[in-house]
N, C-alpha and C. Protein backbone atom coordinates (compact mmCIF):
# COMPACT_ATOMS: atom_id res chain seq x y z
N MET A 1 -3.25 11.12 17.19
CA MET A 1 -2.06 11.76 17.64
C MET A 1 -1.72 12.84 16.63
N ALA A 2 -1.61 14.07 17.05
CA ALA A 2 -1.33 15.17 16.16
C ALA A 2 0.17 15.42 16.09
N PHE A 3 0.63 15.90 14.95
CA PHE A 3 2.05 16.22 14.78
C PHE A 3 2.24 17.70 15.05
N ALA A 4 2.93 18.01 16.11
CA ALA A 4 3.22 19.40 16.44
C ALA A 4 4.57 19.44 17.13
N THR A 5 5.54 19.96 16.43
CA THR A 5 6.87 20.06 17.01
C THR A 5 7.61 21.21 16.36
N SER A 6 8.45 21.86 17.13
CA SER A 6 9.26 22.93 16.57
C SER A 6 10.62 22.39 16.13
N GLU A 7 10.90 21.13 16.47
CA GLU A 7 12.16 20.51 16.08
C GLU A 7 12.09 20.05 14.63
N PRO A 8 13.22 20.19 13.93
CA PRO A 8 13.20 19.66 12.55
C PRO A 8 13.09 18.15 12.59
N GLY A 9 12.38 17.63 11.67
CA GLY A 9 12.21 16.19 11.59
C GLY A 9 12.37 15.72 10.17
N VAL A 10 12.19 14.44 9.98
CA VAL A 10 12.29 13.84 8.66
C VAL A 10 10.88 13.50 8.19
N ALA A 11 10.54 13.98 7.01
CA ALA A 11 9.27 13.64 6.38
C ALA A 11 9.56 12.62 5.29
N VAL A 12 8.84 11.53 5.30
CA VAL A 12 9.11 10.42 4.39
C VAL A 12 7.84 10.10 3.59
N LYS A 13 8.03 9.89 2.31
CA LYS A 13 6.93 9.54 1.40
C LYS A 13 6.85 8.02 1.28
N ILE A 14 5.66 7.48 1.53
CA ILE A 14 5.39 6.04 1.44
C ILE A 14 4.21 5.84 0.49
N LEU A 15 4.32 4.85 -0.39
CA LEU A 15 3.20 4.51 -1.25
C LEU A 15 2.45 3.31 -0.69
N ILE A 16 1.14 3.35 -0.82
CA ILE A 16 0.29 2.20 -0.53
C ILE A 16 -0.27 1.80 -1.89
N ALA A 17 0.17 0.65 -2.39
CA ALA A 17 -0.12 0.27 -3.77
C ALA A 17 -0.75 -1.11 -3.84
N GLY A 18 -1.18 -1.46 -5.02
CA GLY A 18 -1.76 -2.77 -5.25
C GLY A 18 -2.85 -2.68 -6.30
N GLY A 19 -3.45 -3.79 -6.57
CA GLY A 19 -4.50 -3.86 -7.59
C GLY A 19 -5.80 -3.21 -7.14
N PHE A 20 -6.75 -3.25 -8.01
CA PHE A 20 -8.08 -2.70 -7.81
C PHE A 20 -8.80 -3.40 -6.65
N GLY A 21 -9.25 -2.62 -5.68
CA GLY A 21 -10.09 -3.16 -4.61
C GLY A 21 -9.37 -3.95 -3.53
N VAL A 22 -8.04 -3.76 -3.36
CA VAL A 22 -7.32 -4.55 -2.35
C VAL A 22 -7.34 -3.93 -0.96
N GLY A 23 -7.78 -2.67 -0.84
CA GLY A 23 -7.86 -2.04 0.48
C GLY A 23 -6.92 -0.86 0.70
N LYS A 24 -6.41 -0.27 -0.37
CA LYS A 24 -5.47 0.84 -0.24
C LYS A 24 -6.10 2.05 0.43
N THR A 25 -7.25 2.48 -0.05
CA THR A 25 -7.96 3.62 0.54
C THR A 25 -8.31 3.33 1.99
N THR A 26 -8.74 2.12 2.24
CA THR A 26 -9.10 1.70 3.59
C THR A 26 -7.90 1.78 4.52
N MET A 27 -6.74 1.31 4.07
CA MET A 27 -5.54 1.34 4.92
C MET A 27 -5.12 2.77 5.22
N VAL A 28 -5.10 3.64 4.21
CA VAL A 28 -4.72 5.03 4.46
C VAL A 28 -5.67 5.65 5.48
N GLY A 29 -6.95 5.40 5.34
CA GLY A 29 -7.93 5.94 6.28
C GLY A 29 -7.79 5.37 7.68
N ALA A 30 -7.43 4.10 7.78
CA ALA A 30 -7.31 3.45 9.09
C ALA A 30 -6.13 3.97 9.89
N VAL A 31 -5.05 4.33 9.22
CA VAL A 31 -3.82 4.67 9.93
C VAL A 31 -3.55 6.18 9.99
N SER A 32 -4.16 6.96 9.13
CA SER A 32 -3.87 8.39 9.07
C SER A 32 -4.35 9.11 10.33
N GLU A 33 -3.49 10.01 10.83
CA GLU A 33 -3.85 10.82 11.99
C GLU A 33 -4.62 12.07 11.59
N ILE A 34 -4.70 12.35 10.31
CA ILE A 34 -5.49 13.46 9.80
C ILE A 34 -6.61 12.88 8.96
N PRO A 35 -7.69 13.62 8.76
CA PRO A 35 -8.70 13.13 7.83
C PRO A 35 -8.06 12.95 6.45
N PRO A 36 -8.10 11.74 5.90
CA PRO A 36 -7.41 11.52 4.63
C PRO A 36 -8.07 12.24 3.46
N LEU A 37 -7.24 12.64 2.52
CA LEU A 37 -7.73 13.15 1.25
C LEU A 37 -8.04 11.94 0.40
N ARG A 38 -9.22 11.91 -0.15
CA ARG A 38 -9.62 10.78 -1.00
C ARG A 38 -10.14 11.31 -2.32
N THR A 39 -9.88 10.59 -3.38
CA THR A 39 -10.40 10.96 -4.69
C THR A 39 -11.25 9.82 -5.22
N GLU A 40 -12.20 9.42 -4.44
CA GLU A 40 -13.07 8.30 -4.83
C GLU A 40 -14.28 8.81 -5.60
N GLU A 41 -14.64 8.05 -6.59
CA GLU A 41 -15.83 8.32 -7.38
C GLU A 41 -16.66 7.05 -7.46
N LEU A 42 -17.93 7.20 -7.74
CA LEU A 42 -18.80 6.04 -7.90
C LEU A 42 -18.37 5.22 -9.11
N ILE A 43 -18.46 3.93 -8.98
CA ILE A 43 -18.20 3.04 -10.11
C ILE A 43 -19.42 3.10 -11.02
N THR A 44 -19.20 3.48 -12.24
CA THR A 44 -20.29 3.59 -13.20
C THR A 44 -20.43 2.30 -13.98
N GLU A 45 -21.52 2.19 -14.71
CA GLU A 45 -21.72 1.00 -15.53
C GLU A 45 -20.61 0.83 -16.57
N PRO A 46 -20.22 1.91 -17.30
CA PRO A 46 -19.09 1.74 -18.24
C PRO A 46 -17.80 1.31 -17.52
N SER A 47 -17.57 1.84 -16.33
CA SER A 47 -16.37 1.46 -15.57
C SER A 47 -16.41 -0.01 -15.19
N SER A 48 -17.58 -0.49 -14.79
CA SER A 48 -17.68 -1.89 -14.38
C SER A 48 -17.46 -2.84 -15.55
N GLU A 49 -17.60 -2.33 -16.77
CA GLU A 49 -17.31 -3.15 -17.95
C GLU A 49 -15.82 -3.22 -18.23
N VAL A 50 -15.05 -2.25 -17.69
CA VAL A 50 -13.60 -2.22 -17.89
C VAL A 50 -12.87 -2.88 -16.72
N ASP A 51 -13.33 -2.58 -15.50
CA ASP A 51 -12.70 -3.08 -14.28
C ASP A 51 -13.48 -4.27 -13.76
N SER A 52 -12.85 -5.41 -13.70
CA SER A 52 -13.51 -6.61 -13.22
C SER A 52 -13.87 -6.46 -11.74
N LEU A 53 -15.11 -6.72 -11.42
CA LEU A 53 -15.57 -6.67 -10.03
C LEU A 53 -15.63 -8.06 -9.41
N VAL A 54 -15.05 -9.05 -10.09
CA VAL A 54 -15.02 -10.40 -9.56
C VAL A 54 -14.25 -10.40 -8.24
N GLY A 55 -14.89 -10.88 -7.20
CA GLY A 55 -14.28 -10.90 -5.88
C GLY A 55 -14.56 -9.66 -5.06
N VAL A 56 -15.01 -8.59 -5.72
CA VAL A 56 -15.34 -7.33 -5.02
C VAL A 56 -16.68 -6.80 -5.53
N GLU A 57 -17.62 -7.68 -5.66
CA GLU A 57 -18.91 -7.33 -6.26
C GLU A 57 -19.64 -6.21 -5.51
N ASP A 58 -19.38 -6.04 -4.22
CA ASP A 58 -20.06 -5.01 -3.43
C ASP A 58 -19.36 -3.65 -3.50
N LYS A 59 -18.25 -3.56 -4.20
CA LYS A 59 -17.50 -2.30 -4.30
C LYS A 59 -18.31 -1.29 -5.10
N THR A 60 -18.49 -0.09 -4.55
CA THR A 60 -19.30 0.93 -5.23
C THR A 60 -18.51 2.17 -5.62
N THR A 61 -17.30 2.34 -5.04
CA THR A 61 -16.48 3.50 -5.37
C THR A 61 -15.07 3.04 -5.74
N THR A 62 -14.33 3.94 -6.38
CA THR A 62 -12.97 3.63 -6.78
C THR A 62 -12.12 4.90 -6.74
N THR A 63 -10.85 4.75 -6.42
CA THR A 63 -9.91 5.87 -6.39
C THR A 63 -9.53 6.23 -7.83
N VAL A 64 -9.65 7.51 -8.17
CA VAL A 64 -9.35 7.94 -9.53
C VAL A 64 -8.07 8.77 -9.61
N ALA A 65 -7.46 9.11 -8.50
CA ALA A 65 -6.19 9.84 -8.52
C ALA A 65 -5.28 9.28 -7.44
N LEU A 66 -5.54 9.63 -6.19
CA LEU A 66 -4.72 9.15 -5.08
C LEU A 66 -5.45 9.35 -3.77
N ASP A 67 -4.93 8.72 -2.75
CA ASP A 67 -5.36 8.97 -1.37
C ASP A 67 -4.15 9.57 -0.67
N PHE A 68 -4.38 10.39 0.33
CA PHE A 68 -3.27 10.99 1.06
C PHE A 68 -3.59 11.00 2.55
N GLY A 69 -2.62 10.59 3.34
CA GLY A 69 -2.74 10.62 4.80
C GLY A 69 -1.38 10.85 5.42
N ARG A 70 -1.38 10.99 6.73
CA ARG A 70 -0.13 11.24 7.45
C ARG A 70 -0.16 10.51 8.78
N ILE A 71 1.01 10.01 9.18
CA ILE A 71 1.14 9.39 10.49
C ILE A 71 2.50 9.76 11.06
N THR A 72 2.49 10.20 12.32
CA THR A 72 3.73 10.54 13.01
C THR A 72 4.23 9.30 13.73
N ILE A 73 5.45 8.89 13.38
CA ILE A 73 6.05 7.73 14.02
C ILE A 73 6.74 8.15 15.31
N SER A 74 7.46 9.27 15.25
CA SER A 74 8.12 9.83 16.43
C SER A 74 8.24 11.33 16.20
N SER A 75 8.78 12.04 17.18
CA SER A 75 8.90 13.49 17.02
C SER A 75 9.82 13.85 15.86
N GLY A 76 10.63 12.92 15.42
CA GLY A 76 11.54 13.20 14.31
C GLY A 76 11.20 12.50 13.02
N LEU A 77 10.10 11.73 12.96
CA LEU A 77 9.77 10.97 11.76
C LEU A 77 8.27 11.01 11.47
N VAL A 78 7.94 11.55 10.32
CA VAL A 78 6.55 11.62 9.86
C VAL A 78 6.45 10.92 8.52
N LEU A 79 5.48 10.05 8.38
CA LEU A 79 5.24 9.36 7.12
C LEU A 79 4.07 10.02 6.39
N TYR A 80 4.30 10.38 5.15
CA TYR A 80 3.23 10.87 4.29
C TYR A 80 2.83 9.71 3.40
N LEU A 81 1.58 9.33 3.48
CA LEU A 81 1.07 8.15 2.79
C LEU A 81 0.34 8.54 1.52
N PHE A 82 0.71 7.91 0.43
CA PHE A 82 0.07 8.15 -0.85
C PHE A 82 -0.49 6.83 -1.34
N GLY A 83 -1.81 6.72 -1.37
CA GLY A 83 -2.46 5.53 -1.90
C GLY A 83 -2.62 5.67 -3.40
N THR A 84 -2.15 4.68 -4.15
CA THR A 84 -2.20 4.74 -5.60
C THR A 84 -3.55 4.24 -6.11
N PRO A 85 -3.95 4.68 -7.30
CA PRO A 85 -5.15 4.09 -7.89
C PRO A 85 -4.86 2.67 -8.33
N GLY A 86 -5.85 1.81 -8.26
CA GLY A 86 -5.63 0.40 -8.57
C GLY A 86 -5.91 -0.01 -10.00
N GLN A 87 -6.76 0.74 -10.70
CA GLN A 87 -7.10 0.33 -12.05
C GLN A 87 -5.95 0.62 -13.01
N HIS A 88 -5.74 -0.28 -13.92
CA HIS A 88 -4.64 -0.18 -14.87
C HIS A 88 -4.66 1.14 -15.63
N ARG A 89 -5.81 1.64 -15.99
CA ARG A 89 -5.87 2.86 -16.80
C ARG A 89 -5.38 4.11 -16.06
N PHE A 90 -5.22 4.03 -14.72
CA PHE A 90 -4.71 5.16 -13.95
C PHE A 90 -3.25 4.97 -13.54
N TRP A 91 -2.62 3.92 -14.00
CA TRP A 91 -1.24 3.63 -13.57
C TRP A 91 -0.22 4.60 -14.14
N PHE A 92 -0.61 5.44 -15.09
CA PHE A 92 0.34 6.42 -15.60
C PHE A 92 0.80 7.35 -14.48
N MET A 93 0.03 7.43 -13.41
CA MET A 93 0.38 8.29 -12.27
C MET A 93 1.40 7.65 -11.33
N TRP A 94 1.60 6.35 -11.41
CA TRP A 94 2.47 5.66 -10.47
C TRP A 94 3.90 6.15 -10.52
N ASP A 95 4.45 6.40 -11.70
CA ASP A 95 5.83 6.88 -11.79
C ASP A 95 6.00 8.19 -11.03
N GLU A 96 5.07 9.08 -11.21
CA GLU A 96 5.16 10.37 -10.51
C GLU A 96 4.99 10.19 -9.01
N LEU A 97 4.04 9.38 -8.61
CA LEU A 97 3.83 9.14 -7.18
C LEU A 97 5.04 8.46 -6.55
N ALA A 98 5.70 7.58 -7.29
CA ALA A 98 6.84 6.84 -6.74
C ALA A 98 8.10 7.70 -6.61
N ARG A 99 8.15 8.80 -7.34
CA ARG A 99 9.34 9.66 -7.31
C ARG A 99 9.57 10.17 -5.89
N GLY A 100 10.74 9.86 -5.33
CA GLY A 100 11.10 10.33 -4.00
C GLY A 100 10.55 9.49 -2.86
N ALA A 101 9.89 8.40 -3.17
CA ALA A 101 9.32 7.55 -2.11
C ALA A 101 10.41 6.71 -1.45
N LEU A 102 10.31 6.58 -0.13
CA LEU A 102 11.21 5.71 0.62
C LEU A 102 10.93 4.25 0.28
N GLY A 103 9.65 3.94 0.05
CA GLY A 103 9.27 2.57 -0.25
C GLY A 103 7.76 2.46 -0.40
N ALA A 104 7.30 1.22 -0.48
CA ALA A 104 5.88 0.96 -0.72
C ALA A 104 5.39 -0.24 0.06
N VAL A 105 4.13 -0.18 0.41
CA VAL A 105 3.40 -1.34 0.90
C VAL A 105 2.54 -1.81 -0.27
N VAL A 106 2.73 -3.04 -0.69
CA VAL A 106 1.91 -3.62 -1.76
C VAL A 106 0.86 -4.49 -1.09
N LEU A 107 -0.39 -4.04 -1.15
CA LEU A 107 -1.49 -4.84 -0.60
C LEU A 107 -1.94 -5.86 -1.63
N THR A 108 -2.27 -7.05 -1.16
CA THR A 108 -2.75 -8.12 -2.03
C THR A 108 -4.06 -8.67 -1.50
N ASP A 109 -4.79 -9.26 -2.40
CA ASP A 109 -6.05 -9.92 -2.08
C ASP A 109 -5.95 -11.33 -2.67
N THR A 110 -5.92 -12.34 -1.82
CA THR A 110 -5.71 -13.70 -2.31
C THR A 110 -6.87 -14.21 -3.16
N ARG A 111 -8.00 -13.50 -3.14
CA ARG A 111 -9.11 -13.89 -4.02
C ARG A 111 -8.79 -13.53 -5.47
N ARG A 112 -7.83 -12.58 -5.65
CA ARG A 112 -7.43 -12.12 -6.98
C ARG A 112 -5.92 -11.85 -6.97
N LEU A 113 -5.16 -12.86 -6.62
CA LEU A 113 -3.72 -12.70 -6.42
C LEU A 113 -2.99 -12.23 -7.69
N SER A 114 -3.47 -12.63 -8.85
CA SER A 114 -2.80 -12.24 -10.10
C SER A 114 -2.80 -10.72 -10.29
N ASP A 115 -3.72 -10.01 -9.65
CA ASP A 115 -3.75 -8.55 -9.73
C ASP A 115 -2.56 -7.91 -9.01
N SER A 116 -1.79 -8.68 -8.25
CA SER A 116 -0.66 -8.16 -7.49
C SER A 116 0.64 -8.14 -8.29
N PHE A 117 0.72 -8.95 -9.32
CA PHE A 117 1.98 -9.08 -10.06
C PHE A 117 2.49 -7.76 -10.61
N ALA A 118 1.61 -6.97 -11.20
CA ALA A 118 2.04 -5.72 -11.83
C ALA A 118 2.62 -4.75 -10.80
N ALA A 119 2.00 -4.66 -9.62
CA ALA A 119 2.52 -3.76 -8.59
C ALA A 119 3.88 -4.23 -8.08
N ILE A 120 4.02 -5.51 -7.85
CA ILE A 120 5.31 -6.05 -7.40
C ILE A 120 6.38 -5.81 -8.46
N ASP A 121 6.06 -6.09 -9.71
CA ASP A 121 7.00 -5.85 -10.81
C ASP A 121 7.41 -4.38 -10.88
N PHE A 122 6.45 -3.48 -10.70
CA PHE A 122 6.72 -2.05 -10.76
C PHE A 122 7.82 -1.65 -9.79
N PHE A 123 7.71 -2.09 -8.53
CA PHE A 123 8.69 -1.70 -7.52
C PHE A 123 10.00 -2.45 -7.67
N GLU A 124 9.94 -3.72 -8.07
CA GLU A 124 11.17 -4.47 -8.30
C GLU A 124 11.99 -3.83 -9.42
N GLU A 125 11.33 -3.48 -10.53
CA GLU A 125 12.03 -2.90 -11.68
C GLU A 125 12.68 -1.57 -11.35
N ARG A 126 12.12 -0.82 -10.42
CA ARG A 126 12.64 0.50 -10.08
C ARG A 126 13.54 0.48 -8.85
N GLY A 127 13.71 -0.69 -8.25
CA GLY A 127 14.56 -0.80 -7.08
C GLY A 127 14.00 -0.09 -5.86
N VAL A 128 12.69 0.03 -5.79
CA VAL A 128 12.04 0.68 -4.64
C VAL A 128 11.75 -0.39 -3.60
N PRO A 129 12.24 -0.20 -2.36
CA PRO A 129 11.95 -1.19 -1.31
C PRO A 129 10.44 -1.33 -1.09
N PHE A 130 10.00 -2.56 -0.83
CA PHE A 130 8.57 -2.76 -0.57
C PHE A 130 8.37 -3.96 0.34
N VAL A 131 7.22 -3.96 0.97
CA VAL A 131 6.74 -5.10 1.73
C VAL A 131 5.39 -5.48 1.14
N VAL A 132 4.99 -6.72 1.35
CA VAL A 132 3.70 -7.18 0.85
C VAL A 132 2.78 -7.46 2.03
N GLY A 133 1.60 -6.88 1.98
CA GLY A 133 0.57 -7.13 2.99
C GLY A 133 -0.55 -7.94 2.39
N VAL A 134 -0.82 -9.10 2.96
CA VAL A 134 -1.92 -9.95 2.50
C VAL A 134 -3.15 -9.54 3.30
N ASN A 135 -4.05 -8.81 2.65
CA ASN A 135 -5.22 -8.28 3.32
C ASN A 135 -6.23 -9.41 3.53
N CYS A 136 -6.41 -9.81 4.76
CA CYS A 136 -7.32 -10.90 5.10
C CYS A 136 -8.70 -10.31 5.39
N PHE A 137 -9.47 -10.12 4.35
CA PHE A 137 -10.79 -9.53 4.46
C PHE A 137 -11.66 -10.34 5.41
N ASP A 138 -12.30 -9.64 6.33
CA ASP A 138 -13.19 -10.26 7.30
C ASP A 138 -12.51 -11.41 8.05
N GLY A 139 -11.20 -11.27 8.28
CA GLY A 139 -10.46 -12.29 9.03
C GLY A 139 -10.25 -13.58 8.26
N LEU A 140 -10.58 -13.57 6.99
CA LEU A 140 -10.49 -14.77 6.17
C LEU A 140 -9.08 -14.91 5.59
N GLN A 141 -8.38 -15.95 6.01
CA GLN A 141 -7.05 -16.25 5.50
C GLN A 141 -7.17 -17.50 4.62
N LEU A 142 -7.19 -17.27 3.30
CA LEU A 142 -7.38 -18.39 2.37
C LEU A 142 -6.12 -19.24 2.21
N TYR A 143 -4.95 -18.60 2.35
CA TYR A 143 -3.68 -19.30 2.14
C TYR A 143 -2.69 -18.85 3.20
N ASN A 144 -1.72 -19.71 3.53
CA ASN A 144 -0.70 -19.30 4.49
C ASN A 144 0.36 -18.47 3.77
N THR A 145 1.24 -17.83 4.53
CA THR A 145 2.22 -16.93 3.93
C THR A 145 3.19 -17.64 2.99
N ALA A 146 3.55 -18.87 3.30
CA ALA A 146 4.46 -19.62 2.42
C ALA A 146 3.81 -19.84 1.05
N GLU A 147 2.53 -20.17 1.04
CA GLU A 147 1.83 -20.38 -0.23
C GLU A 147 1.75 -19.08 -1.03
N VAL A 148 1.47 -17.97 -0.35
CA VAL A 148 1.37 -16.68 -1.04
C VAL A 148 2.75 -16.27 -1.56
N ARG A 149 3.78 -16.44 -0.73
CA ARG A 149 5.15 -16.10 -1.16
C ARG A 149 5.52 -16.87 -2.43
N THR A 150 5.21 -18.16 -2.47
CA THR A 150 5.51 -18.98 -3.64
C THR A 150 4.70 -18.50 -4.85
N ALA A 151 3.42 -18.25 -4.65
CA ALA A 151 2.55 -17.82 -5.76
C ALA A 151 3.02 -16.48 -6.34
N LEU A 152 3.51 -15.58 -5.48
CA LEU A 152 3.98 -14.27 -5.94
C LEU A 152 5.45 -14.28 -6.35
N ASP A 153 6.12 -15.42 -6.16
CA ASP A 153 7.54 -15.58 -6.50
C ASP A 153 8.39 -14.53 -5.79
N LEU A 154 8.15 -14.38 -4.48
CA LEU A 154 8.89 -13.41 -3.67
C LEU A 154 10.07 -14.08 -2.99
N THR A 155 11.19 -13.39 -2.96
CA THR A 155 12.32 -13.89 -2.19
C THR A 155 12.03 -13.66 -0.71
N HIS A 156 12.82 -14.30 0.14
CA HIS A 156 12.63 -14.11 1.58
C HIS A 156 13.11 -12.74 2.04
N ALA A 157 13.79 -12.00 1.17
CA ALA A 157 14.22 -10.64 1.50
C ALA A 157 13.03 -9.67 1.54
N VAL A 158 11.92 -10.04 0.89
CA VAL A 158 10.72 -9.19 0.88
C VAL A 158 9.80 -9.64 2.00
N PRO A 159 9.60 -8.78 3.01
CA PRO A 159 8.67 -9.15 4.08
C PRO A 159 7.25 -9.33 3.54
N LEU A 160 6.60 -10.37 4.00
CA LEU A 160 5.22 -10.65 3.65
C LEU A 160 4.46 -10.85 4.96
N LEU A 161 3.47 -10.00 5.20
CA LEU A 161 2.73 -10.05 6.46
C LEU A 161 1.23 -10.17 6.20
N LEU A 162 0.56 -10.91 7.05
CA LEU A 162 -0.90 -10.93 7.03
C LEU A 162 -1.37 -9.64 7.68
N CYS A 163 -2.46 -9.08 7.18
CA CYS A 163 -2.94 -7.82 7.74
C CYS A 163 -4.45 -7.69 7.57
N ASP A 164 -4.96 -6.67 8.21
CA ASP A 164 -6.35 -6.24 8.01
C ASP A 164 -6.26 -4.74 7.77
N ALA A 165 -6.48 -4.31 6.54
CA ALA A 165 -6.30 -2.91 6.17
C ALA A 165 -7.22 -1.98 6.96
N ARG A 166 -8.25 -2.52 7.58
CA ARG A 166 -9.18 -1.69 8.37
C ARG A 166 -8.67 -1.42 9.77
N ASP A 167 -7.66 -2.17 10.19
CA ASP A 167 -7.17 -2.12 11.57
C ASP A 167 -5.91 -1.26 11.66
N ARG A 168 -5.96 -0.21 12.48
CA ARG A 168 -4.84 0.73 12.61
C ARG A 168 -3.55 0.02 13.03
N ALA A 169 -3.62 -0.85 14.03
CA ALA A 169 -2.43 -1.54 14.52
C ALA A 169 -1.84 -2.42 13.43
N SER A 170 -2.66 -3.08 12.67
CA SER A 170 -2.20 -3.93 11.58
C SER A 170 -1.51 -3.10 10.50
N ALA A 171 -2.10 -1.98 10.14
CA ALA A 171 -1.50 -1.09 9.14
C ALA A 171 -0.17 -0.52 9.64
N LYS A 172 -0.10 -0.19 10.91
CA LYS A 172 1.15 0.32 11.48
C LYS A 172 2.26 -0.73 11.43
N ARG A 173 1.91 -2.00 11.63
CA ARG A 173 2.91 -3.07 11.53
C ARG A 173 3.50 -3.13 10.12
N LEU A 174 2.66 -2.99 9.12
CA LEU A 174 3.15 -2.97 7.73
C LEU A 174 4.10 -1.80 7.50
N LEU A 175 3.70 -0.62 7.97
CA LEU A 175 4.53 0.56 7.79
C LEU A 175 5.85 0.44 8.53
N SER A 176 5.81 -0.08 9.75
CA SER A 176 7.04 -0.27 10.53
C SER A 176 7.98 -1.24 9.82
N SER A 177 7.42 -2.31 9.28
CA SER A 177 8.22 -3.29 8.56
C SER A 177 8.88 -2.63 7.34
N LEU A 178 8.12 -1.82 6.62
CA LEU A 178 8.67 -1.14 5.45
C LEU A 178 9.80 -0.19 5.84
N VAL A 179 9.61 0.59 6.90
CA VAL A 179 10.65 1.53 7.33
C VAL A 179 11.93 0.77 7.70
N ARG A 180 11.78 -0.37 8.39
CA ARG A 180 12.97 -1.18 8.74
C ARG A 180 13.68 -1.69 7.48
N VAL A 181 12.93 -2.16 6.51
CA VAL A 181 13.52 -2.66 5.26
C VAL A 181 14.24 -1.53 4.52
N ALA A 182 13.60 -0.39 4.41
CA ALA A 182 14.19 0.74 3.69
C ALA A 182 15.45 1.25 4.41
N MET A 183 15.39 1.31 5.75
CA MET A 183 16.56 1.76 6.49
C MET A 183 17.71 0.78 6.38
N ALA A 184 17.43 -0.51 6.40
CA ALA A 184 18.46 -1.52 6.25
C ALA A 184 19.11 -1.40 4.88
N GLY A 185 18.30 -1.15 3.86
CA GLY A 185 18.83 -0.98 2.51
C GLY A 185 19.69 0.27 2.39
N ALA A 186 19.26 1.34 3.04
CA ALA A 186 20.03 2.60 2.99
C ALA A 186 21.35 2.43 3.73
N THR A 187 21.33 1.72 4.85
CA THR A 187 22.55 1.49 5.62
C THR A 187 23.53 0.64 4.82
N ALA A 188 23.01 -0.39 4.17
CA ALA A 188 23.86 -1.28 3.37
C ALA A 188 24.46 -0.51 2.18
N ALA A 189 23.67 0.38 1.57
CA ALA A 189 24.15 1.15 0.42
C ALA A 189 25.23 2.14 0.84
N ALA A 190 25.17 2.62 2.08
CA ALA A 190 26.15 3.59 2.56
C ALA A 190 27.51 2.95 2.78
N TRP A 191 27.54 1.64 2.99
CA TRP A 191 28.82 0.94 3.21
C TRP A 191 29.39 0.65 1.89
């Protein structure tokens, strides 16, 4: 679906964040209506010594700056998607990417759930609305949502959804949930 309108609309910045190898680039590519901008490079031997490939042994590329995509929700609402790099050494870019963002989708991988804590902490500390997507790779759901919520120490105010980052409809559900959360927060703040 292409975005073409002469009417003024609202453009909103959304981050797709999470640890290394959780599916951020995949999600941006699955949902973007334009060919996504990707900054992926091959994982080198020195990189593999720094970034643990446990649980993602088949991963051959990694995002070194950001991913960018766009999706039109309605004639008046366009989401600009910014996928963050997952490796800790590139997190210096997160503050800049988060500036002006409506909110974030934090993707998690239950095979390496501890990699999610830093991303969740980042958005909590800055008061940025977020939802958590549990990426069920190959349809594999290792834990139910209650178990994941407890492990991540999330309140029930933070939506937690099972997803498949490769599936457009699944990615759109995450984005819709985030927009609802952010709008509810903005409405409450206005009162």
